[in-house]
Amino acid sequence: MQRSVIRSLERFLLRVIDSKSCSFAYINGEFTTAKPAPKAIDVILQTRRISGPEAFRAIEPFLRRGHDAIREKYSVCLYFWSEEILDFREFFQFVRPEEAMSLPFVAGPRKGIVRIRL
């Protein structure tokens, strides 16, 4: 794992914690694979309020900043979870065929993702 990617993730999560708008971060992507030099980390933020206008207000600052800007600055591919948004947590637990070739199990079963309380 490249230290710069980890440091970027730490800086990003500290910013999220300071916002007090999210309760959990789910970490996936190249970070949780056997890839020797990941360049980005998938992060799903779970808003404190899981529905309604409060959930959207929690997401809004990140949307204003933009996905590409967040990826460039923090090496984070950002997603969100609330009751009104597609649940990427299950998607990230799916083992793709190309991923299974480097792992000791077959494609299809679920794998774990890292959950961090913010």
PDB file of N, CA and C in Angstrom:
ATOM      1  N   MET A   1       0.849  -1.177   0.000  1.00  0.00           N
ATOM      2  CA  MET A   1       0.000   0.000   0.000  1.00  0.00           C
ATOM      3  C   MET A   1       0.892   1.237   0.000  1.00  0.00           C
ATOM      4  N   GLN A   2       0.603   2.137  -0.868  1.00  0.00           N
ATOM      5  CA  GLN A   2       1.363   3.380  -0.901  1.00  0.00           C
ATOM      6  C   GLN A   2       0.969   4.257   0.278  1.00  0.00           C
ATOM      7  N   ARG A   3       1.974   4.726   1.002  1.00  0.00           N
ATOM      8  CA  ARG A   3       1.712   5.576   2.172  1.00  0.00           C
ATOM      9  C   ARG A   3       0.952   6.837   1.795  1.00  0.00           C
ATOM     10  N   SER A   4       1.222   7.380   0.615  1.00  0.00           N
ATOM     11  CA  SER A   4       0.543   8.612   0.212  1.00  0.00           C
ATOM     12  C   SER A   4      -0.967   8.398   0.086  1.00  0.00           C
ATOM     13  N   VAL A   5      -1.384   7.220  -0.368  1.00  0.00           N
ATOM     14  CA  VAL A   5      -2.821   6.924  -0.484  1.00  0.00           C
ATOM     15  C   VAL A   5      -3.443   6.842   0.911  1.00  0.00           C
ATOM     16  N   ILE A   6      -2.760   6.204   1.843  1.00  0.00           N
ATOM     17  CA  ILE A   6      -3.256   6.106   3.216  1.00  0.00           C
ATOM     18  C   ILE A   6      -3.339   7.489   3.858  1.00  0.00           C
ATOM     19  N   ARG A   7      -2.318   8.296   3.684  1.00  0.00           N
ATOM     20  CA  ARG A   7      -2.339   9.652   4.256  1.00  0.00           C
ATOM     21  C   ARG A   7      -3.473  10.475   3.662  1.00  0.00           C
ATOM     22  N   SER A   8      -3.701  10.335   2.364  1.00  0.00           N
ATOM     23  CA  SER A   8      -4.808  11.050   1.715  1.00  0.00           C
ATOM     24  C   SER A   8      -6.147  10.607   2.285  1.00  0.00           C
ATOM     25  N   LEU A   9      -6.304   9.298   2.487  1.00  0.00           N
ATOM     26  CA  LEU A   9      -7.537   8.784   3.077  1.00  0.00           C
ATOM     27  C   LEU A   9      -7.723   9.346   4.485  1.00  0.00           C
ATOM     28  N   GLU A  10      -6.666   9.360   5.270  1.00  0.00           N
ATOM     29  CA  GLU A  10      -6.747   9.909   6.631  1.00  0.00           C
ATOM     30  C   GLU A  10      -7.185  11.377   6.597  1.00  0.00           C
ATOM     31  N   ARG A  11      -6.586  12.179   5.712  1.00  0.00           N
ATOM     32  CA  ARG A  11      -6.967  13.594   5.609  1.00  0.00           C
ATOM     33  C   ARG A  11      -8.433  13.744   5.218  1.00  0.00           C
ATOM     34  N   PHE A  12      -8.874  12.906   4.276  1.00  0.00           N
ATOM     35  CA  PHE A  12     -10.264  12.964   3.843  1.00  0.00           C
ATOM     36  C   PHE A  12     -11.202  12.608   4.995  1.00  0.00           C
ATOM     37  N   LEU A  13     -10.906  11.514   5.703  1.00  0.00           N
ATOM     38  CA  LEU A  13     -11.781  11.089   6.795  1.00  0.00           C
ATOM     39  C   LEU A  13     -11.803  12.109   7.935  1.00  0.00           C
ATOM     40  N   LEU A  14     -10.690  12.757   8.207  1.00  0.00           N
ATOM     41  CA  LEU A  14     -10.684  13.817   9.226  1.00  0.00           C
ATOM     42  C   LEU A  14     -11.607  14.962   8.820  1.00  0.00           C
ATOM     43  N   ARG A  15     -11.609  15.281   7.548  1.00  0.00           N
ATOM     44  CA  ARG A  15     -12.521  16.326   7.066  1.00  0.00           C
ATOM     45  C   ARG A  15     -13.980  15.905   7.240  1.00  0.00           C
ATOM     46  N   VAL A  16     -14.269  14.651   6.941  1.00  0.00           N
ATOM     47  CA  VAL A  16     -15.633  14.128   7.108  1.00  0.00           C
ATOM     48  C   VAL A  16     -16.026  14.153   8.586  1.00  0.00           C
ATOM     49  N   ILE A  17     -15.126  13.724   9.459  1.00  0.00           N
ATOM     50  CA  ILE A  17     -15.398  13.732  10.904  1.00  0.00           C
ATOM     51  C   ILE A  17     -15.695  15.154  11.376  1.00  0.00           C
ATOM     52  N   ASP A  18     -14.896  16.116  10.909  1.00  0.00           N
ATOM     53  CA  ASP A  18     -15.121  17.518  11.285  1.00  0.00           C
ATOM     54  C   ASP A  18     -16.492  18.028  10.849  1.00  0.00           C
ATOM     55  N   SER A  19     -17.015  17.497   9.753  1.00  0.00           N
ATOM     56  CA  SER A  19     -18.324  17.943   9.260  1.00  0.00           C
ATOM     57  C   SER A  19     -19.473  17.458  10.149  1.00  0.00           C
ATOM     58  N   LYS A  20     -19.222  16.401  10.929  1.00  0.00           N
ATOM     59  CA  LYS A  20     -20.240  15.805  11.822  1.00  0.00           C
ATOM     60  C   LYS A  20     -21.515  15.403  11.082  1.00  0.00           C
ATOM     61  N   SER A  21     -21.386  15.101   9.805  1.00  0.00           N
ATOM     62  CA  SER A  21     -22.561  14.784   9.005  1.00  0.00           C
ATOM     63  C   SER A  21     -22.715  13.300   8.691  1.00  0.00           C
ATOM     64  N   CYS A  22     -21.673  12.511   8.952  1.00  0.00           N
ATOM     65  CA  CYS A  22     -21.704  11.094   8.599  1.00  0.00           C
ATOM     66  C   CYS A  22     -21.357  10.243   9.813  1.00  0.00           C
ATOM     67  N   SER A  23     -21.957   9.066   9.875  1.00  0.00           N
ATOM     68  CA  SER A  23     -21.727   8.193  11.020  1.00  0.00           C
ATOM     69  C   SER A  23     -20.723   7.080  10.733  1.00  0.00           C
ATOM     70  N   PHE A  24     -20.651   6.616   9.479  1.00  0.00           N
ATOM     71  CA  PHE A  24     -19.737   5.542   9.121  1.00  0.00           C
ATOM     72  C   PHE A  24     -19.124   5.795   7.751  1.00  0.00           C
ATOM     73  N   ALA A  25     -17.933   5.252   7.570  1.00  0.00           N
ATOM     74  CA  ALA A  25     -17.299   5.195   6.254  1.00  0.00           C
ATOM     75  C   ALA A  25     -17.022   3.723   5.970  1.00  0.00           C
ATOM     76  N   TYR A  26     -17.339   3.287   4.763  1.00  0.00           N
ATOM     77  CA  TYR A  26     -17.067   1.920   4.325  1.00  0.00           C
ATOM     78  C   TYR A  26     -15.959   2.006   3.287  1.00  0.00           C
ATOM     79  N   ILE A  27     -14.914   1.236   3.491  1.00  0.00           N
ATOM     80  CA  ILE A  27     -13.721   1.309   2.652  1.00  0.00           C
ATOM     81  C   ILE A  27     -13.629   0.062   1.791  1.00  0.00           C
ATOM     82  N   ASN A  28     -13.322   0.261   0.518  1.00  0.00           N
ATOM     83  CA  ASN A  28     -13.242  -0.844  -0.428  1.00  0.00           C
ATOM     84  C   ASN A  28     -12.321  -0.455  -1.580  1.00  0.00           C
ATOM     85  N   GLY A  29     -12.421  -1.190  -2.652  1.00  0.00           N
ATOM     86  CA  GLY A  29     -11.651  -0.891  -3.849  1.00  0.00           C
ATOM     87  C   GLY A  29     -10.257  -1.465  -3.768  1.00  0.00           C
ATOM     88  N   GLU A  30      -9.343  -0.819  -4.450  1.00  0.00           N
ATOM     89  CA  GLU A  30      -7.976  -1.302  -4.519  1.00  0.00           C
ATOM     90  C   GLU A  30      -7.354  -1.454  -3.134  1.00  0.00           C
ATOM     91  N   PHE A  31      -7.855  -0.705  -2.165  1.00  0.00           N
ATOM     92  CA  PHE A  31      -7.353  -0.759  -0.793  1.00  0.00           C
ATOM     93  C   PHE A  31      -7.542  -2.142  -0.170  1.00  0.00           C
ATOM     94  N   THR A  32      -8.630  -2.827  -0.524  1.00  0.00           N
ATOM     95  CA  THR A  32      -8.948  -4.110   0.102  1.00  0.00           C
ATOM     96  C   THR A  32      -8.604  -5.301  -0.790  1.00  0.00           C
ATOM     97  N   THR A  33      -7.833  -5.090  -1.820  1.00  0.00           N
ATOM     98  CA  THR A  33      -7.447  -6.179  -2.705  1.00  0.00           C
ATOM     99  C   THR A  33      -5.964  -6.492  -2.513  1.00  0.00           C
ATOM    100  N   ALA A  34      -5.496  -7.443  -3.277  1.00  0.00           N
ATOM    101  CA  ALA A  34      -4.084  -7.812  -3.216  1.00  0.00           C
ATOM    102  C   ALA A  34      -3.238  -6.942  -4.135  1.00  0.00           C
ATOM    103  N   LYS A  35      -3.824  -5.917  -4.734  1.00  0.00           N
ATOM    104  CA  LYS A  35      -3.094  -5.038  -5.642  1.00  0.00           C
ATOM    105  C   LYS A  35      -1.919  -4.394  -4.890  1.00  0.00           C
ATOM    106  N   PRO A  36      -0.704  -4.529  -5.400  1.00  0.00           N
ATOM    107  CA  PRO A  36       0.470  -4.051  -4.663  1.00  0.00           C
ATOM    108  C   PRO A  36       0.590  -2.533  -4.542  1.00  0.00           C
ATOM    109  N   ALA A  37       0.073  -1.783  -5.491  1.00  0.00           N
ATOM    110  CA  ALA A  37       0.215  -0.318  -5.444  1.00  0.00           C
ATOM    111  C   ALA A  37      -1.096   0.368  -5.810  1.00  0.00           C
ATOM    112  N   PRO A  38      -2.081   0.323  -4.926  1.00  0.00           N
ATOM    113  CA  PRO A  38      -3.367   0.962  -5.246  1.00  0.00           C
ATOM    114  C   PRO A  38      -3.210   2.468  -5.407  1.00  0.00           C
ATOM    115  N   LYS A  39      -4.001   3.017  -6.318  1.00  0.00           N
ATOM    116  CA  LYS A  39      -3.935   4.447  -6.586  1.00  0.00           C
ATOM    117  C   LYS A  39      -5.149   5.190  -6.047  1.00  0.00           C
ATOM    118  N   ALA A  40      -6.185   4.451  -5.687  1.00  0.00           N
ATOM    119  CA  ALA A  40      -7.403   5.083  -5.182  1.00  0.00           C
ATOM    120  C   ALA A  40      -8.112   4.134  -4.233  1.00  0.00           C
ATOM    121  N   ILE A  41      -8.966   4.710  -3.408  1.00  0.00           N
ATOM    122  CA  ILE A  41      -9.731   3.951  -2.427  1.00  0.00           C
ATOM    123  C   ILE A  41     -11.200   4.322  -2.594  1.00  0.00           C
ATOM    124  N   ASP A  42     -12.060   3.319  -2.665  1.00  0.00           N
ATOM    125  CA  ASP A  42     -13.496   3.569  -2.703  1.00  0.00           C
ATOM    126  C   ASP A  42     -13.986   3.800  -1.283  1.00  0.00           C
ATOM    127  N   VAL A  43     -14.747   4.866  -1.093  1.00  0.00           N
ATOM    128  CA  VAL A  43     -15.298   5.186   0.222  1.00  0.00           C
ATOM    129  C   VAL A  43     -16.792   5.446   0.070  1.00  0.00           C
ATOM    130  N   ILE A  44     -17.575   4.764   0.899  1.00  0.00           N
ATOM    131  CA  ILE A  44     -19.012   5.036   0.990  1.00  0.00           C
ATOM    132  C   ILE A  44     -19.237   5.732   2.320  1.00  0.00           C
ATOM    133  N   LEU A  45     -19.828   6.917   2.283  1.00  0.00           N
ATOM    134  CA  LEU A  45     -20.171   7.617   3.515  1.00  0.00           C
ATOM    135  C   LEU A  45     -21.628   7.370   3.849  1.00  0.00           C
ATOM    136  N   GLN A  46     -21.885   6.975   5.070  1.00  0.00           N
ATOM    137  CA  GLN A  46     -23.255   6.796   5.553  1.00  0.00           C
ATOM    138  C   GLN A  46     -23.623   8.043   6.345  1.00  0.00           C
ATOM    139  N   THR A  47     -24.654   8.725   5.905  1.00  0.00           N
ATOM    140  CA  THR A  47     -25.064   9.948   6.587  1.00  0.00           C
ATOM    141  C   THR A  47     -25.657   9.616   7.956  1.00  0.00           C
ATOM    142  N   ARG A  48     -25.509  10.558   8.909  1.00  0.00           N
ATOM    143  CA  ARG A  48     -26.080  10.347  10.256  1.00  0.00           C
ATOM    144  C   ARG A  48     -27.588  10.161  10.178  1.00  0.00           C
ATOM    145  N   ARG A  49     -28.241  11.029   9.444  1.00  0.00           N
ATOM    146  CA  ARG A  49     -29.677  10.871   9.187  1.00  0.00           C
ATOM    147  C   ARG A  49     -29.794  10.079   7.900  1.00  0.00           C
ATOM    148  N   ILE A  50     -30.493   8.960   7.944  1.00  0.00           N
ATOM    149  CA  ILE A  50     -30.501   8.094   6.765  1.00  0.00           C
ATOM    150  C   ILE A  50     -31.591   8.424   5.763  1.00  0.00           C
ATOM    151  N   SER A  51     -32.361   9.469   6.020  1.00  0.00           N
ATOM    152  CA  SER A  51     -33.369   9.863   5.039  1.00  0.00           C
ATOM    153  C   SER A  51     -33.714  11.332   5.231  1.00  0.00           C
ATOM    154  N   GLY A  52     -34.426  11.856   4.247  1.00  0.00           N
ATOM    155  CA  GLY A  52     -34.939  13.213   4.347  1.00  0.00           C
ATOM    156  C   GLY A  52     -33.929  14.295   4.011  1.00  0.00           C
ATOM    157  N   PRO A  53     -34.344  15.542   4.219  1.00  0.00           N
ATOM    158  CA  PRO A  53     -33.501  16.682   3.855  1.00  0.00           C
ATOM    159  C   PRO A  53     -32.164  16.713   4.593  1.00  0.00           C
ATOM    160  N   GLU A  54     -32.125  16.208   5.833  1.00  0.00           N
ATOM    161  CA  GLU A  54     -30.868  16.203   6.585  1.00  0.00           C
ATOM    162  C   GLU A  54     -29.813  15.328   5.890  1.00  0.00           C
ATOM    163  N   ALA A  55     -30.245  14.213   5.341  1.00  0.00           N
ATOM    164  CA  ALA A  55     -29.315  13.334   4.626  1.00  0.00           C
ATOM    165  C   ALA A  55     -28.759  14.049   3.392  1.00  0.00           C
ATOM    166  N   PHE A  56     -29.632  14.737   2.661  1.00  0.00           N
ATOM    167  CA  PHE A  56     -29.157  15.451   1.484  1.00  0.00           C
ATOM    168  C   PHE A  56     -28.214  16.590   1.875  1.00  0.00           C
ATOM    169  N   ARG A  57     -28.517  17.307   2.948  1.00  0.00           N
ATOM    170  CA  ARG A  57     -27.631  18.392   3.401  1.00  0.00           C
ATOM    171  C   ARG A  57     -26.251  17.862   3.783  1.00  0.00           C
ATOM    172  N   ALA A  58     -26.191  16.648   4.292  1.00  0.00           N
ATOM    173  CA  ALA A  58     -24.904  16.043   4.649  1.00  0.00           C
ATOM    174  C   ALA A  58     -24.076  15.739   3.391  1.00  0.00           C
ATOM    175  N   ILE A  59     -24.732  15.374   2.334  1.00  0.00           N
ATOM    176  CA  ILE A  59     -24.074  14.990   1.082  1.00  0.00           C
ATOM    177  C   ILE A  59     -23.713  16.208   0.229  1.00  0.00           C
ATOM    178  N   GLU A  60     -24.524  17.233   0.318  1.00  0.00           N
ATOM    179  CA  GLU A  60     -24.405  18.398  -0.566  1.00  0.00           C
ATOM    180  C   GLU A  60     -22.996  19.003  -0.662  1.00  0.00           C
ATOM    181  N   PRO A  61     -22.269  19.227   0.443  1.00  0.00           N
ATOM    182  CA  PRO A  61     -20.931  19.826   0.308  1.00  0.00           C
ATOM    183  C   PRO A  61     -19.971  18.977  -0.540  1.00  0.00           C
ATOM    184  N   PHE A  62     -20.101  17.673  -0.456  1.00  0.00           N
ATOM    185  CA  PHE A  62     -19.247  16.783  -1.236  1.00  0.00           C
ATOM    186  C   PHE A  62     -19.632  16.836  -2.714  1.00  0.00           C
ATOM    187  N   LEU A  63     -20.936  16.934  -2.987  1.00  0.00           N
ATOM    188  CA  LEU A  63     -21.391  17.038  -4.367  1.00  0.00           C
ATOM    189  C   LEU A  63     -20.941  18.357  -4.984  1.00  0.00           C
ATOM    190  N   ARG A  64     -21.003  19.422  -4.211  1.00  0.00           N
ATOM    191  CA  ARG A  64     -20.553  20.727  -4.712  1.00  0.00           C
ATOM    192  C   ARG A  64     -19.069  20.690  -5.067  1.00  0.00           C
ATOM    193  N   ARG A  65     -18.285  20.038  -4.249  1.00  0.00           N
ATOM    194  CA  ARG A  65     -16.840  19.948  -4.509  1.00  0.00           C
ATOM    195  C   ARG A  65     -16.570  19.143  -5.767  1.00  0.00           C
ATOM    196  N   GLY A  66     -17.327  18.072  -5.954  1.00  0.00           N
ATOM    197  CA  GLY A  66     -17.210  17.270  -7.165  1.00  0.00           C
ATOM    198  C   GLY A  66     -16.388  16.010  -6.975  1.00  0.00           C
ATOM    199  N   HIS A  67     -16.874  14.944  -7.583  1.00  0.00           N
ATOM    200  CA  HIS A  67     -16.242  13.632  -7.487  1.00  0.00           C
ATOM    201  C   HIS A  67     -14.802  13.673  -7.982  1.00  0.00           C
ATOM    202  N   ASP A  68     -14.580  14.294  -9.135  1.00  0.00           N
ATOM    203  CA  ASP A  68     -13.231  14.328  -9.713  1.00  0.00           C
ATOM    204  C   ASP A  68     -12.254  15.099  -8.829  1.00  0.00           C
ATOM    205  N   ALA A  69     -12.695  16.216  -8.266  1.00  0.00           N
ATOM    206  CA  ALA A  69     -11.827  17.016  -7.392  1.00  0.00           C
ATOM    207  C   ALA A  69     -11.462  16.246  -6.127  1.00  0.00           C
ATOM    208  N   ILE A  70     -12.414  15.517  -5.574  1.00  0.00           N
ATOM    209  CA  ILE A  70     -12.156  14.712  -4.370  1.00  0.00           C
ATOM    210  C   ILE A  70     -11.181  13.583  -4.697  1.00  0.00           C
ATOM    211  N   ARG A  71     -11.379  12.952  -5.831  1.00  0.00           N
ATOM    212  CA  ARG A  71     -10.460  11.864  -6.222  1.00  0.00           C
ATOM    213  C   ARG A  71      -9.044  12.413  -6.431  1.00  0.00           C
ATOM    214  N   GLU A  72      -8.942  13.547  -7.088  1.00  0.00           N
ATOM    215  CA  GLU A  72      -7.621  14.114  -7.354  1.00  0.00           C
ATOM    216  C   GLU A  72      -6.902  14.524  -6.065  1.00  0.00           C
ATOM    217  N   LYS A  73      -7.626  15.148  -5.143  1.00  0.00           N
ATOM    218  CA  LYS A  73      -6.990  15.640  -3.919  1.00  0.00           C
ATOM    219  C   LYS A  73      -6.733  14.536  -2.899  1.00  0.00           C
ATOM    220  N   TYR A  74      -7.695  13.599  -2.763  1.00  0.00           N
ATOM    221  CA  TYR A  74      -7.613  12.605  -1.681  1.00  0.00           C
ATOM    222  C   TYR A  74      -7.425  11.163  -2.146  1.00  0.00           C
ATOM    223  N   SER A  75      -7.396  10.913  -3.448  1.00  0.00           N
ATOM    224  CA  SER A  75      -7.324   9.538  -3.985  1.00  0.00           C
ATOM    225  C   SER A  75      -8.523   8.710  -3.523  1.00  0.00           C
ATOM    226  N   VAL A  76      -9.671   9.360  -3.391  1.00  0.00           N
ATOM    227  CA  VAL A  76     -10.901   8.721  -2.915  1.00  0.00           C
ATOM    228  C   VAL A  76     -11.965   8.771  -4.011  1.00  0.00           C
ATOM    229  N   CYS A  77     -12.530   7.604  -4.316  1.00  0.00           N
ATOM    230  CA  CYS A  77     -13.715   7.527  -5.175  1.00  0.00           C
ATOM    231  C   CYS A  77     -14.895   7.478  -4.220  1.00  0.00           C
ATOM    232  N   LEU A  78     -15.698   8.528  -4.219  1.00  0.00           N
ATOM    233  CA  LEU A  78     -16.691   8.722  -3.169  1.00  0.00           C
ATOM    234  C   LEU A  78     -18.094   8.314  -3.585  1.00  0.00           C
ATOM    235  N   TYR A  79     -18.759   7.609  -2.668  1.00  0.00           N
ATOM    236  CA  TYR A  79     -20.148   7.188  -2.815  1.00  0.00           C
ATOM    237  C   TYR A  79     -20.857   7.495  -1.497  1.00  0.00           C
ATOM    238  N   PHE A  80     -22.181   7.408  -1.508  1.00  0.00           N
ATOM    239  CA  PHE A  80     -22.949   7.707  -0.299  1.00  0.00           C
ATOM    240  C   PHE A  80     -23.976   6.621  -0.065  1.00  0.00           C
ATOM    241  N   TRP A  81     -24.410   6.512   1.201  1.00  0.00           N
ATOM    242  CA  TRP A  81     -25.511   5.628   1.523  1.00  0.00           C
ATOM    243  C   TRP A  81     -26.482   6.349   2.437  1.00  0.00           C
ATOM    244  N   SER A  82     -27.727   6.322   2.026  1.00  0.00           N
ATOM    245  CA  SER A  82     -28.861   6.714   2.851  1.00  0.00           C
ATOM    246  C   SER A  82     -30.032   5.894   2.316  1.00  0.00           C
ATOM    247  N   GLU A  83     -31.179   5.992   2.933  1.00  0.00           N
ATOM    248  CA  GLU A  83     -32.307   5.176   2.480  1.00  0.00           C
ATOM    249  C   GLU A  83     -32.749   5.519   1.063  1.00  0.00           C
ATOM    250  N   GLU A  84     -32.505   6.765   0.614  1.00  0.00           N
ATOM    251  CA  GLU A  84     -32.956   7.183  -0.707  1.00  0.00           C
ATOM    252  C   GLU A  84     -31.930   6.942  -1.811  1.00  0.00           C
ATOM    253  N   ILE A  85     -30.767   6.420  -1.467  1.00  0.00           N
ATOM    254  CA  ILE A  85     -29.683   6.251  -2.439  1.00  0.00           C
ATOM    255  C   ILE A  85     -29.349   4.767  -2.550  1.00  0.00           C
ATOM    256  N   LEU A  86     -29.010   4.338  -3.761  1.00  0.00           N
ATOM    257  CA  LEU A  86     -28.598   2.963  -4.004  1.00  0.00           C
ATOM    258  C   LEU A  86     -27.540   2.537  -2.987  1.00  0.00           C
ATOM    259  N   ASP A  87     -27.679   1.355  -2.436  1.00  0.00           N
ATOM    260  CA  ASP A  87     -26.773   0.868  -1.402  1.00  0.00           C
ATOM    261  C   ASP A  87     -25.541   0.215  -2.037  1.00  0.00           C
ATOM    262  N   PHE A  88     -24.465   0.979  -2.147  1.00  0.00           N
ATOM    263  CA  PHE A  88     -23.234   0.476  -2.740  1.00  0.00           C
ATOM    264  C   PHE A  88     -22.506  -0.505  -1.832  1.00  0.00           C
ATOM    265  N   ARG A  89     -22.907  -0.601  -0.572  1.00  0.00           N
ATOM    266  CA  ARG A  89     -22.211  -1.527   0.330  1.00  0.00           C
ATOM    267  C   ARG A  89     -22.301  -2.958  -0.181  1.00  0.00           C
ATOM    268  N   GLU A  90     -23.465  -3.368  -0.639  1.00  0.00           N
ATOM    269  CA  GLU A  90     -23.613  -4.726  -1.168  1.00  0.00           C
ATOM    270  C   GLU A  90     -22.848  -4.893  -2.471  1.00  0.00           C
ATOM    271  N   PHE A  91     -22.887  -3.872  -3.317  1.00  0.00           N
ATOM    272  CA  PHE A  91     -22.158  -3.919  -4.585  1.00  0.00           C
ATOM    273  C   PHE A  91     -20.662  -4.132  -4.331  1.00  0.00           C
ATOM    274  N   PHE A  92     -20.103  -3.429  -3.358  1.00  0.00           N
ATOM    275  CA  PHE A  92     -18.679  -3.540  -3.071  1.00  0.00           C
ATOM    276  C   PHE A  92     -18.307  -4.889  -2.472  1.00  0.00           C
ATOM    277  N   GLN A  93     -19.268  -5.633  -1.982  1.00  0.00           N
ATOM    278  CA  GLN A  93     -18.978  -6.944  -1.400  1.00  0.00           C
ATOM    279  C   GLN A  93     -19.000  -8.055  -2.437  1.00  0.00           C
ATOM    280  N   PHE A  94     -19.433  -7.747  -3.642  1.00  0.00           N
ATOM    281  CA  PHE A  94     -19.473  -8.732  -4.719  1.00  0.00           C
ATOM    282  C   PHE A  94     -18.060  -8.977  -5.249  1.00  0.00           C
ATOM    283  N   VAL A  95     -17.696 -10.240  -5.449  1.00  0.00           N
ATOM    284  CA  VAL A  95     -16.380 -10.588  -5.979  1.00  0.00           C
ATOM    285  C   VAL A  95     -16.499 -10.761  -7.498  1.00  0.00           C
ATOM    286  N   ARG A  96     -15.842  -9.859  -8.226  1.00  0.00           N
ATOM    287  CA  ARG A  96     -15.859  -9.914  -9.695  1.00  0.00           C
ATOM    288  C   ARG A  96     -14.946 -11.039 -10.181  1.00  0.00           C
ATOM    289  N   PRO A  97     -15.230 -11.620 -11.356  1.00  0.00           N
ATOM    290  CA  PRO A  97     -14.396 -12.721 -11.864  1.00  0.00           C
ATOM    291  C   PRO A  97     -12.914 -12.357 -11.961  1.00  0.00           C
ATOM    292  N   GLU A  98     -12.587 -11.149 -12.451  1.00  0.00           N
ATOM    293  CA  GLU A  98     -11.175 -10.776 -12.576  1.00  0.00           C
ATOM    294  C   GLU A  98     -10.509 -10.615 -11.208  1.00  0.00           C
ATOM    295  N   GLU A  99     -11.304 -10.266 -10.201  1.00  0.00           N
ATOM    296  CA  GLU A  99     -10.793 -10.141  -8.837  1.00  0.00           C
ATOM    297  C   GLU A  99     -10.550 -11.528  -8.228  1.00  0.00           C
ATOM    298  N   ALA A 100     -11.437 -12.468  -8.535  1.00  0.00           N
ATOM    299  CA  ALA A 100     -11.350 -13.817  -7.969  1.00  0.00           C
ATOM    300  C   ALA A 100     -10.088 -14.546  -8.421  1.00  0.00           C
ATOM    301  N   MET A 101      -9.571 -14.187  -9.593  1.00  0.00           N
ATOM    302  CA  MET A 101      -8.372 -14.864 -10.094  1.00  0.00           C
ATOM    303  C   MET A 101      -7.180 -14.661  -9.167  1.00  0.00           C
ATOM    304  N   SER A 102      -7.138 -13.526  -8.458  1.00  0.00           N
ATOM    305  CA  SER A 102      -6.001 -13.262  -7.565  1.00  0.00           C
ATOM    306  C   SER A 102      -6.313 -13.602  -6.107  1.00  0.00           C
ATOM    307  N   LEU A 103      -7.502 -14.123  -5.847  1.00  0.00           N
ATOM    308  CA  LEU A 103      -7.915 -14.443  -4.484  1.00  0.00           C
ATOM    309  C   LEU A 103      -8.139 -15.944  -4.347  1.00  0.00           C
ATOM    310  N   PRO A 104      -8.152 -16.450  -3.116  1.00  0.00           N
ATOM    311  CA  PRO A 104      -8.312 -17.901  -2.926  1.00  0.00           C
ATOM    312  C   PRO A 104      -9.769 -18.378  -2.935  1.00  0.00           C
ATOM    313  N   PHE A 105     -10.677 -17.687  -3.648  1.00  0.00           N
ATOM    314  CA  PHE A 105     -12.048 -18.170  -3.762  1.00  0.00           C
ATOM    315  C   PHE A 105     -12.615 -17.775  -5.113  1.00  0.00           C
ATOM    316  N   VAL A 106     -13.785 -18.324  -5.431  1.00  0.00           N
ATOM    317  CA  VAL A 106     -14.381 -18.128  -6.749  1.00  0.00           C
ATOM    318  C   VAL A 106     -15.193 -16.830  -6.795  1.00  0.00           C
ATOM    319  N   ALA A 107     -15.503 -16.408  -8.005  1.00  0.00           N
ATOM    320  CA  ALA A 107     -16.316 -15.204  -8.198  1.00  0.00           C
ATOM    321  C   ALA A 107     -17.724 -15.452  -7.688  1.00  0.00           C
ATOM    322  N   GLY A 108     -18.388 -14.394  -7.279  1.00  0.00           N
ATOM    323  CA  GLY A 108     -19.773 -14.498  -6.857  1.00  0.00           C
ATOM    324  C   GLY A 108     -20.016 -14.325  -5.375  1.00  0.00           C
ATOM    325  N   PRO A 109     -19.263 -15.009  -4.494  1.00  0.00           N
ATOM    326  CA  PRO A 109     -19.569 -14.859  -3.073  1.00  0.00           C
ATOM    327  C   PRO A 109     -19.227 -13.451  -2.587  1.00  0.00           C
ATOM    328  N   ARG A 110     -19.752 -13.128  -1.439  1.00  0.00           N
ATOM    329  CA  ARG A 110     -19.495 -11.818  -0.874  1.00  0.00           C
ATOM    330  C   ARG A 110     -18.165 -11.790  -0.121  1.00  0.00           C
ATOM    331  N   LYS A 111     -17.530 -10.639  -0.173  1.00  0.00           N
ATOM    332  CA  LYS A 111     -16.305 -10.430   0.595  1.00  0.00           C
ATOM    333  C   LYS A 111     -16.587  -9.316   1.604  1.00  0.00           C
ATOM    334  N   GLY A 112     -15.748  -9.196   2.563  1.00  0.00           N
ATOM    335  CA  GLY A 112     -15.922  -8.145   3.558  1.00  0.00           C
ATOM    336  C   GLY A 112     -15.452  -6.789   3.063  1.00  0.00           C
ATOM    337  N   ILE A 113     -15.982  -5.749   3.653  1.00  0.00           N
ATOM    338  CA  ILE A 113     -15.484  -4.402   3.438  1.00  0.00           C
ATOM    339  C   ILE A 113     -15.187  -3.828   4.813  1.00  0.00           C
ATOM    340  N   VAL A 114     -14.391  -2.794   4.863  1.00  0.00           N
ATOM    341  CA  VAL A 114     -13.975  -2.211   6.137  1.00  0.00           C
ATOM    342  C   VAL A 114     -14.965  -1.122   6.522  1.00  0.00           C
ATOM    343  N   ARG A 115     -15.492  -1.178   7.746  1.00  0.00           N
ATOM    344  CA  ARG A 115     -16.417  -0.161   8.246  1.00  0.00           C
ATOM    345  C   ARG A 115     -15.726   0.609   9.375  1.00  0.00           C
ATOM    346  N   ILE A 116     -15.737   1.929   9.248  1.00  0.00           N
ATOM    347  CA  ILE A 116     -15.103   2.788  10.243  1.00  0.00           C
ATOM    348  C   ILE A 116     -16.158   3.707  10.850  1.00  0.00           C
ATOM    349  N   ARG A 117     -16.271   3.679  12.174  1.00  0.00           N
ATOM    350  CA  ARG A 117     -17.191   4.602  12.870  1.00  0.00           C
ATOM    351  C   ARG A 117     -16.534   5.975  12.897  1.00  0.00           C
ATOM    352  N   LEU A 118     -17.290   6.979  12.451  1.00  0.00           N
ATOM    353  CA  LEU A 118     -16.726   8.338  12.389  1.00  0.00           C
ATOM    354  C   LEU A 118     -17.110   9.143  13.617  1.00  0.00           C
TER     355      LEU A 118
END
